[in-house]
Amino acid sequence: MKVMISEDDFRVAELHAQFLRVVDGVEVVGKALNGEETLEMLEEQQPDLLLLDVYMPDQLGVDLLHDIRSIAPKTDVIMITAAQEKEVVEKALKYGVFDYIIKPITMERFQETIESYQERKKRMAQIETFDQEAVDQLIKSSNEAAATTTISVPKGIDPLTLEKVERMLSDAGDKGLTAEQASGKMGASKTTARRYLEYLISIGKGRAEMNYGKVGRPQRKYYKG
């Protein structure tokens, strides 16, 4: 399954690409940073699926939907965006997007949507003539994907930074990290580093132990959960 990403923030685009790499049968065929690039790349690649942001430097993603339908009529669209305005959501749904996911997103939510889309594609390929039951199943699977709740991180926690801190803990292994060591690797304050480390503990992705050395005060060390 060929997937294209349209996202003006290259860091977010790469994060989406990383999410896709763990899903079987998916190939990322391009990343576009604005509306003009999106349409040019779509015409060239004709992907099965486009992950489309709303806020781009030259135009809104939802305003591209009409042209997308003309240029790549077989390409399905999943909106992944921070846009929560009623008129934006309504326009996206009227153009038949498969799902509308509000940032920040979790890997679990992302995978659920992609796997649900893969399942629908598989059903479409297997059935030549649709009876009412088959149509109902397709519509139900699409509605279930759209109704899944997005789990947001709390204020003060950036999803990209959180991913980085989680990788740092994983790389540290049995040695673990202190808040001071984490702050140095992050390029952030010790307070900021501790906030991310403690948040990982709160969601079960980290743990902490007191390290009592021979000299000085005990240190709180953080490990992958």
N, C-alpha and C. Protein backbone atom coordinates (compact mmCIF):
# COMPACT_ATOMS: atom_id res chain seq x y z
N MET A 1 0.84 -1.19 0.00
CA MET A 1 0.00 0.00 0.00
C MET A 1 0.88 1.25 0.00
N LYS A 2 0.72 2.09 -1.01
CA LYS A 2 1.52 3.30 -1.15
C LYS A 2 0.87 4.45 -0.38
N VAL A 3 1.64 5.07 0.50
CA VAL A 3 1.12 6.16 1.32
C VAL A 3 1.99 7.41 1.11
N MET A 4 1.32 8.55 0.96
CA MET A 4 2.01 9.83 0.83
C MET A 4 1.65 10.71 2.02
N ILE A 5 2.61 11.53 2.46
CA ILE A 5 2.41 12.40 3.62
C ILE A 5 2.49 13.86 3.17
N SER A 6 1.48 14.64 3.52
CA SER A 6 1.48 16.08 3.22
C SER A 6 1.43 16.82 4.55
N GLU A 7 2.57 17.40 4.93
CA GLU A 7 2.72 18.01 6.26
C GLU A 7 3.82 19.06 6.18
N ASP A 8 3.52 20.30 6.61
CA ASP A 8 4.50 21.38 6.46
C ASP A 8 5.65 21.32 7.46
N ASP A 9 5.47 20.60 8.56
CA ASP A 9 6.54 20.44 9.55
C ASP A 9 7.27 19.12 9.27
N PHE A 10 8.52 19.22 8.82
CA PHE A 10 9.25 18.01 8.41
C PHE A 10 9.45 17.05 9.58
N ARG A 11 9.51 17.57 10.81
CA ARG A 11 9.67 16.69 11.98
C ARG A 11 8.43 15.84 12.18
N VAL A 12 7.27 16.46 12.04
CA VAL A 12 6.00 15.73 12.19
C VAL A 12 5.85 14.73 11.06
N ALA A 13 6.22 15.14 9.85
CA ALA A 13 6.14 14.23 8.69
C ALA A 13 7.00 12.99 8.93
N GLU A 14 8.18 13.18 9.48
CA GLU A 14 9.07 12.05 9.76
C GLU A 14 8.49 11.17 10.86
N LEU A 15 7.84 11.78 11.86
CA LEU A 15 7.20 11.00 12.91
C LEU A 15 6.10 10.12 12.33
N HIS A 16 5.29 10.68 11.43
CA HIS A 16 4.25 9.89 10.77
C HIS A 16 4.87 8.74 9.96
N ALA A 17 5.98 9.04 9.30
CA ALA A 17 6.67 8.01 8.52
C ALA A 17 7.17 6.90 9.43
N GLN A 18 7.67 7.26 10.61
CA GLN A 18 8.13 6.25 11.57
C GLN A 18 6.97 5.38 12.03
N PHE A 19 5.82 5.99 12.29
CA PHE A 19 4.63 5.23 12.66
C PHE A 19 4.27 4.23 11.57
N LEU A 20 4.36 4.68 10.31
CA LEU A 20 3.98 3.82 9.19
C LEU A 20 4.94 2.64 9.00
N ARG A 21 6.20 2.84 9.35
CA ARG A 21 7.20 1.79 9.14
C ARG A 21 6.94 0.54 9.98
N VAL A 22 6.18 0.67 11.05
CA VAL A 22 5.91 -0.51 11.88
C VAL A 22 4.62 -1.22 11.43
N VAL A 23 3.97 -0.70 10.41
CA VAL A 23 2.75 -1.33 9.89
C VAL A 23 3.12 -2.15 8.67
N ASP A 24 2.76 -3.43 8.66
CA ASP A 24 3.09 -4.32 7.54
C ASP A 24 2.40 -3.86 6.25
N GLY A 25 3.13 -4.02 5.16
CA GLY A 25 2.53 -3.79 3.85
C GLY A 25 2.38 -2.33 3.46
N VAL A 26 3.12 -1.43 4.11
CA VAL A 26 2.99 0.00 3.82
C VAL A 26 4.31 0.55 3.31
N GLU A 27 4.25 1.35 2.25
CA GLU A 27 5.44 2.02 1.70
C GLU A 27 5.16 3.52 1.61
N VAL A 28 6.03 4.33 2.23
CA VAL A 28 5.92 5.78 2.13
C VAL A 28 6.57 6.22 0.82
N VAL A 29 5.78 6.82 -0.08
CA VAL A 29 6.29 7.14 -1.41
C VAL A 29 6.63 8.62 -1.59
N GLY A 30 6.38 9.43 -0.57
CA GLY A 30 6.73 10.84 -0.70
C GLY A 30 6.22 11.67 0.46
N LYS A 31 6.89 12.82 0.67
CA LYS A 31 6.48 13.78 1.70
C LYS A 31 6.42 15.16 1.05
N ALA A 32 5.27 15.79 1.11
CA ALA A 32 5.10 17.13 0.55
C ALA A 32 4.98 18.14 1.68
N LEU A 33 5.61 19.32 1.49
CA LEU A 33 5.65 20.33 2.55
C LEU A 33 4.63 21.45 2.37
N ASN A 34 3.94 21.48 1.22
CA ASN A 34 2.92 22.50 1.00
C ASN A 34 1.89 22.00 0.00
N GLY A 35 0.89 22.83 -0.27
CA GLY A 35 -0.19 22.41 -1.16
C GLY A 35 0.25 22.17 -2.58
N GLU A 36 1.11 23.04 -3.11
CA GLU A 36 1.58 22.89 -4.48
C GLU A 36 2.35 21.58 -4.65
N GLU A 37 3.26 21.30 -3.72
CA GLU A 37 4.02 20.05 -3.78
C GLU A 37 3.09 18.85 -3.66
N THR A 38 2.06 18.98 -2.83
CA THR A 38 1.12 17.88 -2.62
C THR A 38 0.46 17.47 -3.93
N LEU A 39 -0.04 18.45 -4.68
CA LEU A 39 -0.75 18.15 -5.93
C LEU A 39 0.22 17.59 -6.98
N GLU A 40 1.42 18.15 -7.05
CA GLU A 40 2.41 17.66 -8.03
C GLU A 40 2.81 16.21 -7.72
N MET A 41 3.06 15.94 -6.44
CA MET A 41 3.49 14.60 -6.05
C MET A 41 2.35 13.59 -6.20
N LEU A 42 1.13 14.02 -5.90
CA LEU A 42 -0.03 13.14 -6.06
C LEU A 42 -0.20 12.70 -7.50
N GLU A 43 -0.08 13.66 -8.41
CA GLU A 43 -0.25 13.34 -9.83
C GLU A 43 0.81 12.34 -10.29
N GLU A 44 2.02 12.48 -9.75
CA GLU A 44 3.12 11.59 -10.14
C GLU A 44 3.02 10.22 -9.49
N GLN A 45 2.72 10.17 -8.18
CA GLN A 45 2.77 8.92 -7.43
C GLN A 45 1.46 8.13 -7.44
N GLN A 46 0.32 8.82 -7.49
CA GLN A 46 -0.98 8.16 -7.42
C GLN A 46 -1.04 7.16 -6.26
N PRO A 47 -0.82 7.61 -5.04
CA PRO A 47 -0.79 6.68 -3.89
C PRO A 47 -2.17 6.14 -3.55
N ASP A 48 -2.18 5.08 -2.77
CA ASP A 48 -3.45 4.56 -2.27
C ASP A 48 -4.04 5.50 -1.22
N LEU A 49 -3.15 6.09 -0.42
CA LEU A 49 -3.60 6.87 0.74
C LEU A 49 -2.74 8.11 0.90
N LEU A 50 -3.41 9.22 1.24
CA LEU A 50 -2.73 10.49 1.53
C LEU A 50 -3.03 10.90 2.96
N LEU A 51 -1.98 11.14 3.75
CA LEU A 51 -2.14 11.72 5.08
C LEU A 51 -1.98 13.22 4.92
N LEU A 52 -3.05 13.96 5.16
CA LEU A 52 -3.11 15.38 4.78
C LEU A 52 -3.31 16.28 5.99
N ASP A 53 -2.44 17.28 6.11
CA ASP A 53 -2.58 18.31 7.15
C ASP A 53 -3.50 19.41 6.63
N VAL A 54 -4.06 20.20 7.54
CA VAL A 54 -4.91 21.32 7.13
C VAL A 54 -4.08 22.59 6.96
N TYR A 55 -3.28 22.91 7.99
CA TYR A 55 -2.55 24.18 7.97
C TYR A 55 -1.23 24.04 7.23
N MET A 56 -1.20 24.57 6.00
CA MET A 56 0.02 24.57 5.21
C MET A 56 0.33 25.99 4.76
N PRO A 57 1.59 26.28 4.41
CA PRO A 57 1.98 27.66 4.16
C PRO A 57 1.26 28.35 3.00
N ASP A 58 0.86 27.61 1.97
CA ASP A 58 0.27 28.25 0.80
C ASP A 58 -1.26 28.15 0.73
N GLN A 59 -1.83 27.11 1.32
CA GLN A 59 -3.29 26.97 1.33
C GLN A 59 -3.73 25.90 2.32
N LEU A 60 -5.02 25.90 2.64
CA LEU A 60 -5.55 24.92 3.58
C LEU A 60 -5.67 23.56 2.91
N GLY A 61 -5.37 22.52 3.67
CA GLY A 61 -5.47 21.16 3.15
C GLY A 61 -6.87 20.82 2.66
N VAL A 62 -7.90 21.28 3.40
CA VAL A 62 -9.28 20.96 2.99
C VAL A 62 -9.63 21.62 1.66
N ASP A 63 -8.97 22.75 1.36
CA ASP A 63 -9.23 23.41 0.09
C ASP A 63 -8.59 22.68 -1.09
N LEU A 64 -7.73 21.71 -0.79
CA LEU A 64 -7.11 20.89 -1.84
C LEU A 64 -7.97 19.69 -2.22
N LEU A 65 -8.93 19.36 -1.37
CA LEU A 65 -9.66 18.11 -1.56
C LEU A 65 -10.34 18.00 -2.93
N HIS A 66 -10.89 19.11 -3.43
CA HIS A 66 -11.54 19.07 -4.75
C HIS A 66 -10.52 18.71 -5.83
N ASP A 67 -9.35 19.36 -5.80
CA ASP A 67 -8.31 19.07 -6.79
C ASP A 67 -7.75 17.66 -6.61
N ILE A 68 -7.64 17.23 -5.37
CA ILE A 68 -7.14 15.87 -5.10
C ILE A 68 -8.06 14.84 -5.74
N ARG A 69 -9.35 15.04 -5.64
CA ARG A 69 -10.32 14.11 -6.24
C ARG A 69 -10.18 14.08 -7.76
N SER A 70 -9.81 15.21 -8.38
CA SER A 70 -9.66 15.27 -9.83
C SER A 70 -8.34 14.65 -10.29
N ILE A 71 -7.26 14.98 -9.55
CA ILE A 71 -5.92 14.53 -9.95
C ILE A 71 -5.68 13.06 -9.62
N ALA A 72 -6.17 12.64 -8.44
CA ALA A 72 -5.94 11.26 -7.98
C ALA A 72 -7.25 10.69 -7.45
N PRO A 73 -8.17 10.34 -8.33
CA PRO A 73 -9.51 9.90 -7.92
C PRO A 73 -9.53 8.61 -7.09
N LYS A 74 -8.47 7.80 -7.19
CA LYS A 74 -8.45 6.54 -6.44
C LYS A 74 -7.71 6.66 -5.11
N THR A 75 -7.20 7.86 -4.81
CA THR A 75 -6.48 8.08 -3.56
C THR A 75 -7.44 8.43 -2.42
N ASP A 76 -7.35 7.69 -1.34
CA ASP A 76 -8.13 8.01 -0.14
C ASP A 76 -7.35 8.98 0.73
N VAL A 77 -8.08 9.69 1.59
CA VAL A 77 -7.47 10.74 2.40
C VAL A 77 -7.79 10.55 3.88
N ILE A 78 -6.75 10.67 4.71
CA ILE A 78 -6.92 10.76 6.15
C ILE A 78 -6.35 12.10 6.58
N MET A 79 -7.16 12.92 7.22
CA MET A 79 -6.71 14.21 7.73
C MET A 79 -6.04 13.98 9.09
N ILE A 80 -4.83 14.54 9.24
CA ILE A 80 -4.14 14.53 10.54
C ILE A 80 -3.74 15.96 10.82
N THR A 81 -4.43 16.61 11.75
CA THR A 81 -4.29 18.05 11.88
C THR A 81 -4.69 18.55 13.26
N ALA A 82 -4.25 19.76 13.57
CA ALA A 82 -4.66 20.42 14.81
C ALA A 82 -5.95 21.19 14.63
N ALA A 83 -6.45 21.28 13.40
CA ALA A 83 -7.66 22.07 13.12
C ALA A 83 -8.89 21.43 13.74
N GLN A 84 -9.60 22.21 14.56
CA GLN A 84 -10.80 21.73 15.23
C GLN A 84 -12.04 22.55 14.86
N GLU A 85 -11.90 23.51 13.93
CA GLU A 85 -13.02 24.36 13.56
C GLU A 85 -14.11 23.54 12.87
N LYS A 86 -15.34 23.84 13.21
CA LYS A 86 -16.49 23.09 12.69
C LYS A 86 -16.52 23.08 11.17
N GLU A 87 -16.29 24.25 10.54
CA GLU A 87 -16.39 24.32 9.09
C GLU A 87 -15.31 23.49 8.40
N VAL A 88 -14.15 23.39 9.03
CA VAL A 88 -13.05 22.58 8.46
C VAL A 88 -13.40 21.10 8.52
N VAL A 89 -13.87 20.66 9.69
CA VAL A 89 -14.24 19.25 9.86
C VAL A 89 -15.39 18.89 8.92
N GLU A 90 -16.40 19.75 8.83
CA GLU A 90 -17.56 19.49 7.96
C GLU A 90 -17.13 19.35 6.50
N LYS A 91 -16.25 20.24 6.06
CA LYS A 91 -15.80 20.20 4.66
C LYS A 91 -15.04 18.92 4.38
N ALA A 92 -14.18 18.52 5.32
CA ALA A 92 -13.41 17.29 5.15
C ALA A 92 -14.34 16.08 5.04
N LEU A 93 -15.33 16.02 5.91
CA LEU A 93 -16.25 14.89 5.91
C LEU A 93 -17.11 14.86 4.65
N LYS A 94 -17.49 16.03 4.15
CA LYS A 94 -18.30 16.09 2.93
C LYS A 94 -17.54 15.57 1.71
N TYR A 95 -16.21 15.69 1.77
CA TYR A 95 -15.40 15.15 0.67
C TYR A 95 -15.03 13.69 0.90
N GLY A 96 -15.59 13.09 1.94
CA GLY A 96 -15.45 11.65 2.13
C GLY A 96 -14.10 11.19 2.63
N VAL A 97 -13.42 11.98 3.48
CA VAL A 97 -12.16 11.50 4.03
C VAL A 97 -12.42 10.26 4.87
N PHE A 98 -11.44 9.36 4.88
CA PHE A 98 -11.62 8.11 5.62
C PHE A 98 -11.63 8.33 7.12
N ASP A 99 -10.81 9.27 7.58
CA ASP A 99 -10.74 9.55 9.01
C ASP A 99 -10.23 10.97 9.21
N TYR A 100 -10.50 11.52 10.38
CA TYR A 100 -10.05 12.87 10.74
C TYR A 100 -9.46 12.77 12.13
N ILE A 101 -8.12 12.88 12.23
CA ILE A 101 -7.44 12.69 13.50
C ILE A 101 -6.86 14.02 13.97
N ILE A 102 -7.20 14.40 15.19
CA ILE A 102 -6.75 15.68 15.74
C ILE A 102 -5.44 15.49 16.50
N LYS A 103 -4.46 16.31 16.17
CA LYS A 103 -3.16 16.27 16.85
C LYS A 103 -3.29 16.78 18.28
N PRO A 104 -2.42 16.35 19.19
CA PRO A 104 -1.38 15.35 18.99
C PRO A 104 -1.98 13.95 18.98
N ILE A 105 -1.40 13.04 18.23
CA ILE A 105 -1.92 11.69 18.13
C ILE A 105 -0.97 10.71 18.80
N THR A 106 -1.50 9.55 19.11
CA THR A 106 -0.67 8.48 19.67
C THR A 106 -0.42 7.44 18.58
N MET A 107 0.63 6.68 18.77
CA MET A 107 0.94 5.62 17.81
C MET A 107 -0.19 4.61 17.75
N GLU A 108 -0.82 4.32 18.91
CA GLU A 108 -1.92 3.34 18.94
C GLU A 108 -3.07 3.81 18.08
N ARG A 109 -3.44 5.10 18.21
CA ARG A 109 -4.55 5.66 17.42
C ARG A 109 -4.20 5.62 15.94
N PHE A 110 -2.99 5.98 15.62
CA PHE A 110 -2.52 6.00 14.24
C PHE A 110 -2.60 4.61 13.62
N GLN A 111 -2.07 3.64 14.33
CA GLN A 111 -2.07 2.26 13.81
C GLN A 111 -3.47 1.72 13.64
N GLU A 112 -4.36 2.02 14.58
CA GLU A 112 -5.75 1.56 14.48
C GLU A 112 -6.38 2.04 13.18
N THR A 113 -6.16 3.32 12.86
CA THR A 113 -6.73 3.90 11.65
C THR A 113 -6.15 3.27 10.39
N ILE A 114 -4.82 3.13 10.34
CA ILE A 114 -4.18 2.54 9.15
C ILE A 114 -4.62 1.09 8.96
N GLU A 115 -4.67 0.33 10.05
CA GLU A 115 -5.08 -1.07 9.96
C GLU A 115 -6.54 -1.19 9.55
N SER A 116 -7.38 -0.28 10.06
CA SER A 116 -8.79 -0.27 9.66
C SER A 116 -8.92 0.04 8.17
N TYR A 117 -8.10 0.97 7.68
CA TYR A 117 -8.12 1.31 6.26
C TYR A 117 -7.64 0.12 5.41
N GLN A 118 -6.58 -0.55 5.87
CA GLN A 118 -6.08 -1.73 5.16
C GLN A 118 -7.16 -2.81 5.06
N GLU A 119 -7.87 -2.99 6.17
CA GLU A 119 -8.94 -4.01 6.19
C GLU A 119 -10.02 -3.67 5.19
N ARG A 120 -10.40 -2.38 5.10
CA ARG A 120 -11.43 -1.99 4.14
C ARG A 120 -10.96 -2.21 2.71
N LYS A 121 -9.69 -1.89 2.43
CA LYS A 121 -9.14 -2.10 1.09
C LYS A 121 -9.17 -3.59 0.73
N LYS A 122 -8.84 -4.42 1.72
CA LYS A 122 -8.83 -5.86 1.50
C LYS A 122 -10.23 -6.37 1.17
N ARG A 123 -11.23 -5.89 1.92
CA ARG A 123 -12.61 -6.31 1.66
C ARG A 123 -13.06 -5.86 0.28
N MET A 124 -12.71 -4.63 -0.10
CA MET A 124 -13.10 -4.12 -1.41
C MET A 124 -12.52 -4.97 -2.53
N ALA A 125 -11.28 -5.42 -2.34
CA ALA A 125 -10.61 -6.21 -3.37
C ALA A 125 -11.20 -7.60 -3.50
N GLN A 126 -11.75 -8.12 -2.41
CA GLN A 126 -12.24 -9.50 -2.39
C GLN A 126 -13.67 -9.64 -2.90
N ILE A 127 -14.43 -8.55 -2.88
CA ILE A 127 -15.85 -8.62 -3.22
C ILE A 127 -16.11 -7.94 -4.55
N GLU A 128 -16.76 -8.64 -5.46
CA GLU A 128 -17.08 -8.06 -6.77
C GLU A 128 -18.48 -7.46 -6.79
N THR A 129 -19.42 -8.11 -6.12
CA THR A 129 -20.79 -7.61 -6.06
C THR A 129 -21.20 -7.46 -4.60
N PHE A 130 -21.65 -6.27 -4.23
CA PHE A 130 -21.96 -5.98 -2.83
C PHE A 130 -23.45 -6.16 -2.55
N ASP A 131 -23.74 -6.96 -1.51
CA ASP A 131 -25.10 -6.98 -1.00
C ASP A 131 -25.16 -5.99 0.17
N GLN A 132 -26.33 -5.86 0.78
CA GLN A 132 -26.50 -4.87 1.84
C GLN A 132 -25.58 -5.14 3.04
N GLU A 133 -25.42 -6.40 3.38
CA GLU A 133 -24.59 -6.76 4.53
C GLU A 133 -23.13 -6.33 4.32
N ALA A 134 -22.63 -6.57 3.09
CA ALA A 134 -21.24 -6.20 2.79
C ALA A 134 -21.04 -4.69 2.84
N VAL A 135 -22.02 -3.95 2.30
CA VAL A 135 -21.94 -2.49 2.34
C VAL A 135 -21.98 -1.99 3.78
N ASP A 136 -22.88 -2.58 4.58
CA ASP A 136 -23.00 -2.18 5.99
C ASP A 136 -21.69 -2.39 6.74
N GLN A 137 -21.00 -3.50 6.45
CA GLN A 137 -19.74 -3.79 7.12
C GLN A 137 -18.68 -2.75 6.77
N LEU A 138 -18.63 -2.35 5.51
CA LEU A 138 -17.66 -1.35 5.08
C LEU A 138 -17.92 0.00 5.76
N ILE A 139 -19.19 0.39 5.77
CA ILE A 139 -19.54 1.68 6.38
C ILE A 139 -19.31 1.65 7.88
N LYS A 140 -19.61 0.53 8.50
CA LYS A 140 -19.40 0.39 9.94
C LYS A 140 -17.93 0.52 10.29
N SER A 141 -17.04 -0.13 9.51
CA SER A 141 -15.61 -0.07 9.82
C SER A 141 -15.08 1.34 9.67
N SER A 142 -15.57 2.09 8.67
CA SER A 142 -15.14 3.47 8.50
C SER A 142 -15.62 4.35 9.64
N ASN A 143 -16.87 4.16 10.05
CA ASN A 143 -17.43 4.95 11.15
C ASN A 143 -16.72 4.67 12.46
N GLU A 144 -16.35 3.40 12.68
CA GLU A 144 -15.66 3.04 13.92
C GLU A 144 -14.28 3.70 13.97
N ALA A 145 -13.61 3.77 12.83
CA ALA A 145 -12.29 4.42 12.79
C ALA A 145 -12.42 5.90 13.11
N ALA A 146 -13.43 6.55 12.53
CA ALA A 146 -13.62 7.98 12.75
C ALA A 146 -14.05 8.30 14.17
N ALA A 147 -14.70 7.35 14.83
CA ALA A 147 -15.22 7.59 16.18
C ALA A 147 -14.21 7.33 17.27
N THR A 148 -13.08 6.73 16.93
CA THR A 148 -12.07 6.41 17.94
C THR A 148 -11.54 7.69 18.56
N THR A 149 -11.44 7.74 19.87
CA THR A 149 -11.02 8.94 20.57
C THR A 149 -9.51 9.12 20.51
N THR A 150 -9.06 10.35 20.21
CA THR A 150 -7.65 10.67 20.23
C THR A 150 -7.21 10.92 21.66
N ILE A 151 -6.11 10.28 22.07
CA ILE A 151 -5.57 10.49 23.40
C ILE A 151 -4.53 11.58 23.32
N SER A 152 -4.76 12.72 23.99
CA SER A 152 -3.86 13.85 23.94
C SER A 152 -2.90 13.84 25.11
N VAL A 153 -1.70 14.35 24.88
CA VAL A 153 -0.78 14.53 25.99
C VAL A 153 -1.15 15.83 26.69
N PRO A 154 -0.82 15.98 27.97
CA PRO A 154 -1.19 17.18 28.71
C PRO A 154 -0.42 18.40 28.26
N LYS A 155 -0.90 19.57 28.67
CA LYS A 155 -0.24 20.83 28.36
C LYS A 155 1.18 20.82 28.92
N GLY A 156 2.12 21.33 28.12
CA GLY A 156 3.51 21.36 28.57
C GLY A 156 4.31 20.16 28.12
N ILE A 157 3.65 19.19 27.48
CA ILE A 157 4.34 17.99 26.97
C ILE A 157 4.21 17.97 25.45
N ASP A 158 5.34 18.08 24.77
CA ASP A 158 5.35 18.04 23.31
C ASP A 158 5.53 16.61 22.84
N PRO A 159 4.65 16.10 21.96
CA PRO A 159 4.73 14.70 21.53
C PRO A 159 6.07 14.31 20.91
N LEU A 160 6.66 15.21 20.11
CA LEU A 160 7.94 14.90 19.48
C LEU A 160 9.06 14.79 20.52
N THR A 161 9.06 15.72 21.48
CA THR A 161 10.05 15.67 22.55
C THR A 161 9.86 14.43 23.41
N LEU A 162 8.59 14.08 23.64
CA LEU A 162 8.29 12.90 24.44
C LEU A 162 8.84 11.64 23.78
N GLU A 163 8.67 11.54 22.45
CA GLU A 163 9.23 10.41 21.71
C GLU A 163 10.75 10.34 21.88
N LYS A 164 11.39 11.51 21.82
CA LYS A 164 12.84 11.58 21.96
C LYS A 164 13.29 11.11 23.34
N VAL A 165 12.60 11.57 24.39
CA VAL A 165 12.96 11.19 25.75
C VAL A 165 12.75 9.69 25.97
N GLU A 166 11.68 9.16 25.38
CA GLU A 166 11.42 7.72 25.51
C GLU A 166 12.53 6.90 24.84
N ARG A 167 13.00 7.38 23.69
CA ARG A 167 14.11 6.70 23.01
C ARG A 167 15.39 6.79 23.84
N MET A 168 15.60 7.94 24.47
CA MET A 168 16.78 8.12 25.32
C MET A 168 16.79 7.10 26.46
N LEU A 169 15.63 6.91 27.08
CA LEU A 169 15.55 5.93 28.17
C LEU A 169 15.82 4.52 27.66
N SER A 170 15.29 4.23 26.49
CA SER A 170 15.49 2.91 25.91
C SER A 170 16.97 2.68 25.60
N ASP A 171 17.63 3.71 25.06
CA ASP A 171 19.06 3.60 24.72
C ASP A 171 19.93 3.47 25.98
N ALA A 172 19.48 4.09 27.07
CA ALA A 172 20.26 4.05 28.32
C ALA A 172 20.27 2.66 28.93
N GLY A 173 19.24 1.87 28.66
CA GLY A 173 19.18 0.51 29.16
C GLY A 173 19.26 0.41 30.67
N ASP A 174 20.06 -0.54 31.15
CA ASP A 174 20.17 -0.77 32.60
C ASP A 174 20.89 0.35 33.34
N LYS A 175 21.62 1.18 32.61
CA LYS A 175 22.33 2.29 33.25
C LYS A 175 21.38 3.38 33.71
N GLY A 176 20.28 3.54 33.00
CA GLY A 176 19.32 4.57 33.36
C GLY A 176 19.86 5.97 33.12
N LEU A 177 19.03 6.96 33.43
CA LEU A 177 19.39 8.36 33.27
C LEU A 177 18.93 9.16 34.47
N THR A 178 19.74 10.13 34.89
CA THR A 178 19.28 11.10 35.87
C THR A 178 18.62 12.24 35.10
N ALA A 179 17.87 13.08 35.80
CA ALA A 179 17.25 14.23 35.15
C ALA A 179 18.32 15.15 34.56
N GLU A 180 19.45 15.26 35.24
CA GLU A 180 20.54 16.10 34.76
C GLU A 180 21.12 15.56 33.46
N GLN A 181 21.32 14.25 33.39
CA GLN A 181 21.85 13.64 32.16
C GLN A 181 20.85 13.80 31.01
N ALA A 182 19.57 13.61 31.32
CA ALA A 182 18.54 13.76 30.29
C ALA A 182 18.47 15.19 29.78
N SER A 183 18.62 16.16 30.67
CA SER A 183 18.56 17.57 30.26
C SER A 183 19.69 17.90 29.29
N GLY A 184 20.88 17.31 29.54
CA GLY A 184 22.01 17.54 28.65
C GLY A 184 21.76 16.96 27.27
N LYS A 185 21.18 15.78 27.20
CA LYS A 185 20.89 15.14 25.91
C LYS A 185 19.77 15.87 25.17
N MET A 186 18.80 16.42 25.93
CA MET A 186 17.66 17.12 25.32
C MET A 186 18.00 18.54 24.92
N GLY A 187 19.00 19.12 25.60
CA GLY A 187 19.29 20.54 25.40
C GLY A 187 18.24 21.39 26.07
N ALA A 188 17.71 20.90 27.20
CA ALA A 188 16.65 21.61 27.93
C ALA A 188 17.05 21.70 29.40
N SER A 189 16.24 22.41 30.17
CA SER A 189 16.52 22.55 31.59
C SER A 189 16.28 21.24 32.33
N LYS A 190 16.87 21.14 33.51
CA LYS A 190 16.69 19.95 34.33
C LYS A 190 15.23 19.78 34.73
N THR A 191 14.55 20.90 34.98
CA THR A 191 13.12 20.87 35.35
C THR A 191 12.28 20.32 34.21
N THR A 192 12.59 20.76 32.99
CA THR A 192 11.85 20.27 31.81
C THR A 192 12.09 18.78 31.61
N ALA A 193 13.34 18.37 31.74
CA ALA A 193 13.67 16.95 31.58
C ALA A 193 12.93 16.10 32.60
N ARG A 194 12.91 16.57 33.85
CA ARG A 194 12.23 15.81 34.90
C ARG A 194 10.73 15.71 34.62
N ARG A 195 10.14 16.78 34.07
CA ARG A 195 8.70 16.75 33.76
C ARG A 195 8.38 15.65 32.76
N TYR A 196 9.20 15.52 31.71
CA TYR A 196 8.97 14.47 30.71
C TYR A 196 9.21 13.08 31.29
N LEU A 197 10.25 12.95 32.09
CA LEU A 197 10.56 11.65 32.69
C LEU A 197 9.46 11.19 33.64
N GLU A 198 8.96 12.12 34.42
CA GLU A 198 7.89 11.78 35.36
C GLU A 198 6.59 11.46 34.63
N TYR A 199 6.36 12.15 33.49
CA TYR A 199 5.16 11.86 32.71
C TYR A 199 5.22 10.44 32.14
N LEU A 200 6.41 10.03 31.68
CA LEU A 200 6.56 8.66 31.17
C LEU A 200 6.26 7.63 32.26
N ILE A 201 6.64 7.94 33.48
CA ILE A 201 6.32 7.05 34.60
C ILE A 201 4.80 6.98 34.80
N SER A 202 4.14 8.13 34.69
CA SER A 202 2.70 8.19 34.94
C SER A 202 1.89 7.40 33.93
N ILE A 203 2.43 7.21 32.71
CA ILE A 203 1.69 6.45 31.69
C ILE A 203 2.25 5.04 31.52
N GLY A 204 3.12 4.64 32.46
CA GLY A 204 3.62 3.27 32.47
C GLY A 204 4.74 2.98 31.50
N LYS A 205 5.37 4.03 30.95
CA LYS A 205 6.45 3.82 29.99
C LYS A 205 7.83 4.11 30.59
N GLY A 206 7.86 4.31 31.88
CA GLY A 206 9.12 4.57 32.57
C GLY A 206 9.01 4.18 34.03
N ARG A 207 10.13 4.09 34.70
CA ARG A 207 10.16 3.81 36.13
C ARG A 207 11.37 4.53 36.72
N ALA A 208 11.36 4.71 38.02
CA ALA A 208 12.45 5.42 38.68
C ALA A 208 12.90 4.68 39.92
N GLU A 209 14.17 4.80 40.22
CA GLU A 209 14.73 4.21 41.44
C GLU A 209 15.71 5.22 42.05
N MET A 210 15.85 5.17 43.37
CA MET A 210 16.82 6.01 44.04
C MET A 210 18.18 5.30 44.02
N ASN A 211 19.18 6.01 43.54
CA ASN A 211 20.53 5.46 43.45
C ASN A 211 21.38 6.03 44.58
N TYR A 212 21.71 5.18 45.55
CA TYR A 212 22.49 5.63 46.70
C TYR A 212 23.97 5.36 46.47
N GLY A 213 24.70 6.39 46.06
CA GLY A 213 26.12 6.25 45.83
C GLY A 213 26.91 6.34 47.12
N LYS A 214 28.21 6.16 47.00
CA LYS A 214 29.06 6.20 48.19
C LYS A 214 29.25 7.62 48.70
N VAL A 215 29.20 8.59 47.77
CA VAL A 215 29.43 9.98 48.15
C VAL A 215 28.28 10.85 47.66
N GLY A 216 27.92 11.83 48.48
CA GLY A 216 26.91 12.79 48.06
C GLY A 216 25.49 12.30 48.27
N ARG A 217 24.54 13.13 47.80
CA ARG A 217 23.11 12.83 47.98
C ARG A 217 22.65 11.74 47.03
N PRO A 218 21.64 10.98 47.41
CA PRO A 218 21.10 9.96 46.49
C PRO A 218 20.47 10.60 45.26
N GLN A 219 20.56 9.92 44.13
CA GLN A 219 20.02 10.44 42.89
C GLN A 219 18.85 9.58 42.41
N ARG A 220 17.86 10.25 41.84
CA ARG A 220 16.73 9.55 41.25
C ARG A 220 17.09 9.21 39.81
N LYS A 221 17.10 7.91 39.49
CA LYS A 221 17.44 7.50 38.14
C LYS A 221 16.22 6.93 37.44
N TYR A 222 16.15 7.21 36.15
CA TYR A 222 14.99 6.83 35.36
C TYR A 222 15.36 5.72 34.36
N TYR A 223 14.43 4.79 34.19
CA TYR A 223 14.65 3.63 33.31
C TYR A 223 13.42 3.43 32.43
N LYS A 224 13.64 2.76 31.32
CA LYS A 224 12.54 2.40 30.43
C LYS A 224 11.57 1.49 31.17
N GLY A 225 10.26 1.78 31.08
CA GLY A 225 9.25 1.00 31.79
C GLY A 225 8.99 -0.34 31.14
